[in-house]
């Protein structure tokens, strides 16, 4: 852990305090995988971490405050998604690879952070501006990178100028996030994971380039 970590009353936490704080966050993250976050109580998190509610309140005002901390950290880690869209080639066979790697990145990221991403989506859908801002922080950079890619193709005459690059990029990223968050649902519909990826990549390729992938 880098940088200063402060307690709720503004004191700088020492190494031991930082470790305790991180353990509380780790335990909360684990609990979110099996329980709705509104059902998680401070005493349950503290007990799982082997400490007391009083210690929890030294670092977080309440469970929601700790959840927001996890959500912010997750949004920062989403820079890996931007890297899969920024500066990539969307011409010829390279475009197929770009689409496939972007899809793989989204599906893997959501599987890895499924619990907190579900909470972020719920909070944003309910109109909580804090969660909405975090969701935008998570998705806006990759949306911007795809938009730039489409605009570059337009400048080269490969995509029609009538296409709104921002609308296409935003729609594709929203689609990827939604599908990634409902991967188990596709299995219920008889769609295997191995079948989902190439078809999702096809949609991304069509959206960005306006063409089917080069074989």
C-alpha atoms as a PDB file:
ATOM      1  CA  UNK A   1       0.000   0.000   0.000  1.00  0.00           C
ATOM      2  CA  UNK A   2       1.445   3.372  -0.999  1.00  0.00           C
ATOM      3  CA  UNK A   3       0.745   6.892   0.219  1.00  0.00           C
ATOM      4  CA  UNK A   4      -0.672   8.017   3.527  1.00  0.00           C
ATOM      5  CA  UNK A   5      -3.731   6.271   4.888  1.00  0.00           C
ATOM      6  CA  UNK A   6      -5.744   8.242   7.415  1.00  0.00           C
ATOM      7  CA  UNK A   7      -8.274   7.238  10.007  1.00  0.00           C
ATOM      8  CA  UNK A   8     -11.752   8.757  10.097  1.00  0.00           C
ATOM      9  CA  UNK A   9     -10.559  11.423  12.559  1.00  0.00           C
ATOM     10  CA  UNK A  10      -7.656  12.406  10.304  1.00  0.00           C
ATOM     11  CA  UNK A  11      -4.740  10.628  11.959  1.00  0.00           C
ATOM     12  CA  UNK A  12      -2.135   8.963   9.738  1.00  0.00           C
ATOM     13  CA  UNK A  13      -2.331   5.195  10.115  1.00  0.00           C
ATOM     14  CA  UNK A  14       0.878   3.289  10.763  1.00  0.00           C
ATOM     15  CA  UNK A  15       1.900   0.089   9.020  1.00  0.00           C
ATOM     16  CA  UNK A  16      -0.117  -2.059  11.389  1.00  0.00           C
ATOM     17  CA  UNK A  17      -3.143   0.180  11.002  1.00  0.00           C
ATOM     18  CA  UNK A  18      -2.858   0.090   7.232  1.00  0.00           C
ATOM     19  CA  UNK A  19      -2.694  -3.702   7.309  1.00  0.00           C
ATOM     20  CA  UNK A  20      -5.804  -3.853   9.504  1.00  0.00           C
ATOM     21  CA  UNK A  21      -7.656  -1.458   7.233  1.00  0.00           C
ATOM     22  CA  UNK A  22      -6.765  -3.523   4.162  1.00  0.00           C
ATOM     23  CA  UNK A  23      -7.834  -6.719   5.894  1.00  0.00           C
ATOM     24  CA  UNK A  24     -11.223  -5.166   6.619  1.00  0.00           C
ATOM     25  CA  UNK A  25     -11.584  -4.244   2.941  1.00  0.00           C
ATOM     26  CA  UNK A  26     -10.532  -7.728   1.833  1.00  0.00           C
ATOM     27  CA  UNK A  27     -13.030  -9.370   4.151  1.00  0.00           C
ATOM     28  CA  UNK A  28     -15.794  -7.037   2.994  1.00  0.00           C
ATOM     29  CA  UNK A  29     -14.967  -7.820  -0.633  1.00  0.00           C
ATOM     30  CA  UNK A  30     -15.259 -11.519   0.090  1.00  0.00           C
ATOM     31  CA  UNK A  31     -18.586 -11.047   1.848  1.00  0.00           C
ATOM     32  CA  UNK A  32     -20.017  -9.067  -1.069  1.00  0.00           C
ATOM     33  CA  UNK A  33     -19.582 -12.174  -3.216  1.00  0.00           C
ATOM     34  CA  UNK A  34     -22.283 -13.978  -1.254  1.00  0.00           C
ATOM     35  CA  UNK A  35     -24.414 -11.256   0.358  1.00  0.00           C
ATOM     36  CA  UNK A  36     -26.211  -8.082  -0.805  1.00  0.00           C
ATOM     37  CA  UNK A  37     -24.083  -5.219   0.447  1.00  0.00           C
ATOM     38  CA  UNK A  38     -26.965  -3.658   2.362  1.00  0.00           C
ATOM     39  CA  UNK A  39     -27.247  -6.866   4.379  1.00  0.00           C
ATOM     40  CA  UNK A  40     -23.605  -6.740   5.448  1.00  0.00           C
ATOM     41  CA  UNK A  41     -23.160  -5.371   8.964  1.00  0.00           C
ATOM     42  CA  UNK A  42     -20.106  -3.746  10.504  1.00  0.00           C
ATOM     43  CA  UNK A  43     -19.992  -6.357  13.241  1.00  0.00           C
ATOM     44  CA  UNK A  44     -19.912  -9.148  10.640  1.00  0.00           C
ATOM     45  CA  UNK A  45     -17.012  -7.568   8.738  1.00  0.00           C
ATOM     46  CA  UNK A  46     -15.097  -6.921  11.958  1.00  0.00           C
ATOM     47  CA  UNK A  47     -15.648 -10.457  13.196  1.00  0.00           C
ATOM     48  CA  UNK A  48     -14.462 -11.943   9.903  1.00  0.00           C
ATOM     49  CA  UNK A  49     -11.356  -9.755  10.038  1.00  0.00           C
ATOM     50  CA  UNK A  50     -10.659 -10.800  13.612  1.00  0.00           C
ATOM     51  CA  UNK A  51     -11.110  -7.331  15.048  1.00  0.00           C
ATOM     52  CA  UNK A  52     -13.828  -5.173  16.625  1.00  0.00           C
ATOM     53  CA  UNK A  53     -16.518  -2.805  15.288  1.00  0.00           C
ATOM     54  CA  UNK A  54     -14.701   0.033  17.062  1.00  0.00           C
ATOM     55  CA  UNK A  55     -11.628  -0.685  14.957  1.00  0.00           C
ATOM     56  CA  UNK A  56     -13.746  -0.720  11.799  1.00  0.00           C
ATOM     57  CA  UNK A  57     -15.100   2.732  12.632  1.00  0.00           C
ATOM     58  CA  UNK A  58     -11.561   4.049  12.989  1.00  0.00           C
ATOM     59  CA  UNK A  59     -11.137   3.660   9.234  1.00  0.00           C
ATOM     60  CA  UNK A  60     -14.623   3.852   7.723  1.00  0.00           C
ATOM     61  CA  UNK A  61     -17.792   5.763   8.666  1.00  0.00           C
ATOM     62  CA  UNK A  62     -19.966   2.766   7.794  1.00  0.00           C
ATOM     63  CA  UNK A  63     -20.145  -0.261   5.486  1.00  0.00           C
ATOM     64  CA  UNK A  64     -21.159   1.894   2.536  1.00  0.00           C
ATOM     65  CA  UNK A  65     -18.076   4.046   3.011  1.00  0.00           C
ATOM     66  CA  UNK A  66     -15.885   0.958   2.829  1.00  0.00           C
ATOM     67  CA  UNK A  67     -17.795  -0.301  -0.216  1.00  0.00           C
ATOM     68  CA  UNK A  68     -17.137   3.003  -1.981  1.00  0.00           C
ATOM     69  CA  UNK A  69     -13.431   2.637  -1.156  1.00  0.00           C
ATOM     70  CA  UNK A  70     -13.375  -0.788  -2.850  1.00  0.00           C
ATOM     71  CA  UNK A  71     -15.321   0.622  -5.797  1.00  0.00           C
ATOM     72  CA  UNK A  72     -12.833   3.477  -6.274  1.00  0.00           C
ATOM     73  CA  UNK A  73      -9.914   1.053  -6.235  1.00  0.00           C
ATOM     74  CA  UNK A  74     -11.642  -1.144  -8.812  1.00  0.00           C
ATOM     75  CA  UNK A  75     -12.228   1.854 -11.084  1.00  0.00           C
ATOM     76  CA  UNK A  76      -8.510   2.645 -10.958  1.00  0.00           C
ATOM     77  CA  UNK A  77      -7.685  -0.926 -11.944  1.00  0.00           C
ATOM     78  CA  UNK A  78      -9.906  -0.530 -15.011  1.00  0.00           C
ATOM     79  CA  UNK A  79      -7.018   1.249 -16.746  1.00  0.00           C
ATOM     80  CA  UNK A  80      -6.188  -2.241 -18.017  1.00  0.00           C
ATOM     81  CA  UNK A  81      -9.325  -2.054 -20.182  1.00  0.00           C
ATOM     82  CA  UNK A  82      -8.288   1.284 -21.654  1.00  0.00           C
ATOM     83  CA  UNK A  83      -4.962  -0.238 -22.613  1.00  0.00           C
ATOM     84  CA  UNK A  84      -6.813  -2.845 -24.666  1.00  0.00           C
ATOM     85  CA  UNK A  85      -8.512  -0.134 -26.728  1.00  0.00           C
ATOM     86  CA  UNK A  86      -5.980   2.680 -26.933  1.00  0.00           C
ATOM     87  CA  UNK A  87      -3.504   2.748 -29.788  1.00  0.00           C
ATOM     88  CA  UNK A  88      -4.713  -0.517 -31.290  1.00  0.00           C
ATOM     89  CA  UNK A  89      -4.917  -1.255 -34.998  1.00  0.00           C
ATOM     90  CA  UNK A  90      -8.418  -1.665 -36.431  1.00  0.00           C
ATOM     91  CA  UNK A  91      -7.336  -2.534 -39.956  1.00  0.00           C
ATOM     92  CA  UNK A  92      -7.254  -5.961 -41.577  1.00  0.00           C
ATOM     93  CA  UNK A  93      -6.465  -9.019 -39.469  1.00  0.00           C
ATOM     94  CA  UNK A  94      -5.167  -6.854 -36.623  1.00  0.00           C
ATOM     95  CA  UNK A  95      -8.698  -5.545 -36.078  1.00  0.00           C
ATOM     96  CA  UNK A  96      -9.951  -9.041 -35.318  1.00  0.00           C
ATOM     97  CA  UNK A  97      -7.243  -9.422 -32.674  1.00  0.00           C
ATOM     98  CA  UNK A  98      -8.065  -6.010 -31.191  1.00  0.00           C
ATOM     99  CA  UNK A  99     -11.739  -6.918 -30.890  1.00  0.00           C
ATOM    100  CA  UNK A 100     -11.024 -10.333 -29.372  1.00  0.00           C
ATOM    101  CA  UNK A 101      -8.586  -8.981 -26.792  1.00  0.00           C
ATOM    102  CA  UNK A 102     -10.984  -6.211 -25.780  1.00  0.00           C
ATOM    103  CA  UNK A 103     -13.765  -8.748 -25.281  1.00  0.00           C
ATOM    104  CA  UNK A 104     -11.468 -11.071 -23.320  1.00  0.00           C
ATOM    105  CA  UNK A 105     -10.399  -8.146 -21.149  1.00  0.00           C
ATOM    106  CA  UNK A 106     -13.955  -7.137 -20.279  1.00  0.00           C
ATOM    107  CA  UNK A 107     -15.106 -10.670 -19.519  1.00  0.00           C
ATOM    108  CA  UNK A 108     -12.055 -11.380 -17.341  1.00  0.00           C
ATOM    109  CA  UNK A 109     -12.245  -8.045 -15.497  1.00  0.00           C
ATOM    110  CA  UNK A 110     -15.905  -8.578 -14.635  1.00  0.00           C
ATOM    111  CA  UNK A 111     -15.300 -12.135 -13.462  1.00  0.00           C
ATOM    112  CA  UNK A 112     -12.470 -10.905 -11.239  1.00  0.00           C
ATOM    113  CA  UNK A 113     -14.450  -7.999  -9.742  1.00  0.00           C
ATOM    114  CA  UNK A 114     -17.996  -9.243 -10.185  1.00  0.00           C
ATOM    115  CA  UNK A 115     -19.215  -8.562  -6.650  1.00  0.00           C
ATOM    116  CA  UNK A 116     -18.214  -4.898  -6.414  1.00  0.00           C
ATOM    117  CA  UNK A 117     -19.146  -4.171 -10.032  1.00  0.00           C
ATOM    118  CA  UNK A 118     -22.618  -5.497  -9.295  1.00  0.00           C
ATOM    119  CA  UNK A 119     -22.857  -3.068  -6.365  1.00  0.00           C
ATOM    120  CA  UNK A 120     -21.626  -0.185  -8.516  1.00  0.00           C
ATOM    121  CA  UNK A 121     -24.240  -0.925 -11.188  1.00  0.00           C
ATOM    122  CA  UNK A 122     -26.994  -1.185  -8.581  1.00  0.00           C
ATOM    123  CA  UNK A 123     -26.056   2.090  -6.934  1.00  0.00           C
ATOM    124  CA  UNK A 124     -25.788   3.886 -10.271  1.00  0.00           C
ATOM    125  CA  UNK A 125     -29.145   2.485 -11.432  1.00  0.00           C
ATOM    126  CA  UNK A 126     -30.768   3.713  -8.227  1.00  0.00           C
ATOM    127  CA  UNK A 127     -29.502   7.227  -8.887  1.00  0.00           C
ATOM    128  CA  UNK A 128     -26.695   7.349  -6.336  1.00  0.00           C
ATOM    129  CA  UNK A 129     -24.348   9.943  -7.824  1.00  0.00           C
ATOM    130  CA  UNK A 130     -21.331   8.523  -5.995  1.00  0.00           C
ATOM    131  CA  UNK A 131     -21.682   5.139  -7.660  1.00  0.00           C
ATOM    132  CA  UNK A 132     -22.630   6.753 -10.970  1.00  0.00           C
ATOM    133  CA  UNK A 133     -19.409   8.783 -10.981  1.00  0.00           C
ATOM    134  CA  UNK A 134     -17.365   5.673 -10.221  1.00  0.00           C
ATOM    135  CA  UNK A 135     -19.064   3.788 -13.069  1.00  0.00           C
ATOM    136  CA  UNK A 136     -18.280   6.654 -15.437  1.00  0.00           C
ATOM    137  CA  UNK A 137     -14.682   6.755 -14.191  1.00  0.00           C
ATOM    138  CA  UNK A 138     -14.456   3.053 -14.991  1.00  0.00           C
ATOM    139  CA  UNK A 139     -15.988   3.146 -18.474  1.00  0.00           C
ATOM    140  CA  UNK A 140     -15.258   6.621 -19.859  1.00  0.00           C
ATOM    141  CA  UNK A 141     -11.550   6.119 -20.693  1.00  0.00           C
ATOM    142  CA  UNK A 142     -12.115   2.956 -22.730  1.00  0.00           C
ATOM    143  CA  UNK A 143     -15.100   4.621 -24.423  1.00  0.00           C
ATOM    144  CA  UNK A 144     -12.888   7.544 -25.374  1.00  0.00           C
ATOM    145  CA  UNK A 145     -10.231   5.243 -26.818  1.00  0.00           C
ATOM    146  CA  UNK A 146     -12.777   3.435 -29.001  1.00  0.00           C
ATOM    147  CA  UNK A 147     -14.219   6.753 -30.115  1.00  0.00           C
ATOM    148  CA  UNK A 148     -10.772   7.914 -31.205  1.00  0.00           C
ATOM    149  CA  UNK A 149     -10.280   4.658 -33.102  1.00  0.00           C
ATOM    150  CA  UNK A 150     -13.534   5.134 -35.017  1.00  0.00           C
ATOM    151  CA  UNK A 151     -12.756   8.793 -35.751  1.00  0.00           C
ATOM    152  CA  UNK A 152      -9.342   7.769 -37.080  1.00  0.00           C
ATOM    153  CA  UNK A 153     -11.002   5.287 -39.421  1.00  0.00           C
ATOM    154  CA  UNK A 154     -13.371   8.034 -40.558  1.00  0.00           C
ATOM    155  CA  UNK A 155     -10.442  10.321 -41.354  1.00  0.00           C
ATOM    156  CA  UNK A 156      -8.998   7.553 -43.516  1.00  0.00           C
ATOM    157  CA  UNK A 157     -12.305   7.056 -45.297  1.00  0.00           C
ATOM    158  CA  UNK A 158     -12.821   3.555 -43.914  1.00  0.00           C
ATOM    159  CA  UNK A 159     -15.916   4.424 -41.876  1.00  0.00           C
ATOM    160  CA  UNK A 160     -18.761   6.598 -43.143  1.00  0.00           C
ATOM    161  CA  UNK A 161     -18.744  10.170 -41.853  1.00  0.00           C
ATOM    162  CA  UNK A 162     -22.420   9.912 -40.957  1.00  0.00           C
ATOM    163  CA  UNK A 163     -21.523   7.505 -38.133  1.00  0.00           C
ATOM    164  CA  UNK A 164     -21.481   9.154 -34.712  1.00  0.00           C
ATOM    165  CA  UNK A 165     -18.251   7.821 -33.237  1.00  0.00           C
ATOM    166  CA  UNK A 166     -19.218   8.695 -29.669  1.00  0.00           C
ATOM    167  CA  UNK A 167     -22.583   6.971 -29.921  1.00  0.00           C
ATOM    168  CA  UNK A 168     -21.047   3.809 -31.366  1.00  0.00           C
ATOM    169  CA  UNK A 169     -18.212   3.720 -28.825  1.00  0.00           C
ATOM    170  CA  UNK A 170     -20.553   4.321 -25.900  1.00  0.00           C
ATOM    171  CA  UNK A 171     -22.974   1.663 -27.116  1.00  0.00           C
ATOM    172  CA  UNK A 172     -20.219  -0.905 -27.558  1.00  0.00           C
ATOM    173  CA  UNK A 173     -18.751  -0.306 -24.101  1.00  0.00           C
ATOM    174  CA  UNK A 174     -22.193  -0.407 -22.494  1.00  0.00           C
ATOM    175  CA  UNK A 175     -22.874  -3.680 -24.313  1.00  0.00           C
ATOM    176  CA  UNK A 176     -19.562  -5.168 -23.200  1.00  0.00           C
ATOM    177  CA  UNK A 177     -20.136  -4.174 -19.569  1.00  0.00           C
ATOM    178  CA  UNK A 178     -23.688  -5.534 -19.590  1.00  0.00           C
ATOM    179  CA  UNK A 179     -22.765  -8.843 -21.209  1.00  0.00           C
ATOM    180  CA  UNK A 180     -19.712  -9.238 -18.962  1.00  0.00           C
ATOM    181  CA  UNK A 181     -21.931  -8.749 -15.927  1.00  0.00           C
ATOM    182  CA  UNK A 182     -24.390 -11.423 -17.049  1.00  0.00           C
ATOM    183  CA  UNK A 183     -22.074 -14.191 -18.231  1.00  0.00           C
ATOM    184  CA  UNK A 184     -23.867 -16.852 -16.185  1.00  0.00           C
ATOM    185  CA  UNK A 185     -27.155 -15.835 -17.761  1.00  0.00           C
ATOM    186  CA  UNK A 186     -25.885 -16.784 -21.192  1.00  0.00           C
ATOM    187  CA  UNK A 187     -25.169 -20.288 -19.937  1.00  0.00           C
ATOM    188  CA  UNK A 188     -28.802 -20.507 -18.849  1.00  0.00           C
ATOM    189  CA  UNK A 189     -29.762 -19.650 -22.420  1.00  0.00           C
ATOM    190  CA  UNK A 190     -27.574 -22.455 -23.727  1.00  0.00           C
ATOM    191  CA  UNK A 191     -24.708 -20.201 -24.849  1.00  0.00           C
ATOM    192  CA  UNK A 192     -21.312 -21.548 -23.825  1.00  0.00           C
ATOM    193  CA  UNK A 193     -18.462 -19.254 -22.806  1.00  0.00           C
ATOM    194  CA  UNK A 194     -16.453 -20.437 -25.808  1.00  0.00           C
ATOM    195  CA  UNK A 195     -19.324 -19.370 -28.083  1.00  0.00           C
ATOM    196  CA  UNK A 196     -19.915 -16.043 -26.390  1.00  0.00           C
ATOM    197  CA  UNK A 197     -16.452 -14.582 -26.944  1.00  0.00           C
ATOM    198  CA  UNK A 198     -16.188 -14.832 -30.767  1.00  0.00           C
ATOM    199  CA  UNK A 199     -19.727 -13.587 -31.311  1.00  0.00           C
ATOM    200  CA  UNK A 200     -19.229 -10.648 -28.985  1.00  0.00           C
ATOM    201  CA  UNK A 201     -15.934  -9.875 -30.738  1.00  0.00           C
ATOM    202  CA  UNK A 202     -17.792  -9.941 -34.069  1.00  0.00           C
ATOM    203  CA  UNK A 203     -20.203  -7.274 -32.811  1.00  0.00           C
ATOM    204  CA  UNK A 204     -17.321  -5.104 -31.571  1.00  0.00           C
ATOM    205  CA  UNK A 205     -15.501  -5.466 -34.894  1.00  0.00           C
ATOM    206  CA  UNK A 206     -18.631  -4.559 -36.862  1.00  0.00           C
ATOM    207  CA  UNK A 207     -19.303  -1.612 -34.587  1.00  0.00           C
ATOM    208  CA  UNK A 208     -15.834  -0.109 -34.869  1.00  0.00           C
ATOM    209  CA  UNK A 209     -15.006  -0.870 -38.508  1.00  0.00           C
ATOM    210  CA  UNK A 210     -18.399  -1.343 -40.113  1.00  0.00           C
ATOM    211  CA  UNK A 211     -17.091  -4.577 -41.631  1.00  0.00           C
ATOM    212  CA  UNK A 212     -16.887  -8.273 -40.850  1.00  0.00           C
ATOM    213  CA  UNK A 213     -13.500  -9.486 -39.580  1.00  0.00           C
ATOM    214  CA  UNK A 214     -10.917 -10.485 -42.178  1.00  0.00           C
ATOM    215  CA  UNK A 215     -10.402 -14.246 -42.192  1.00  0.00           C
END
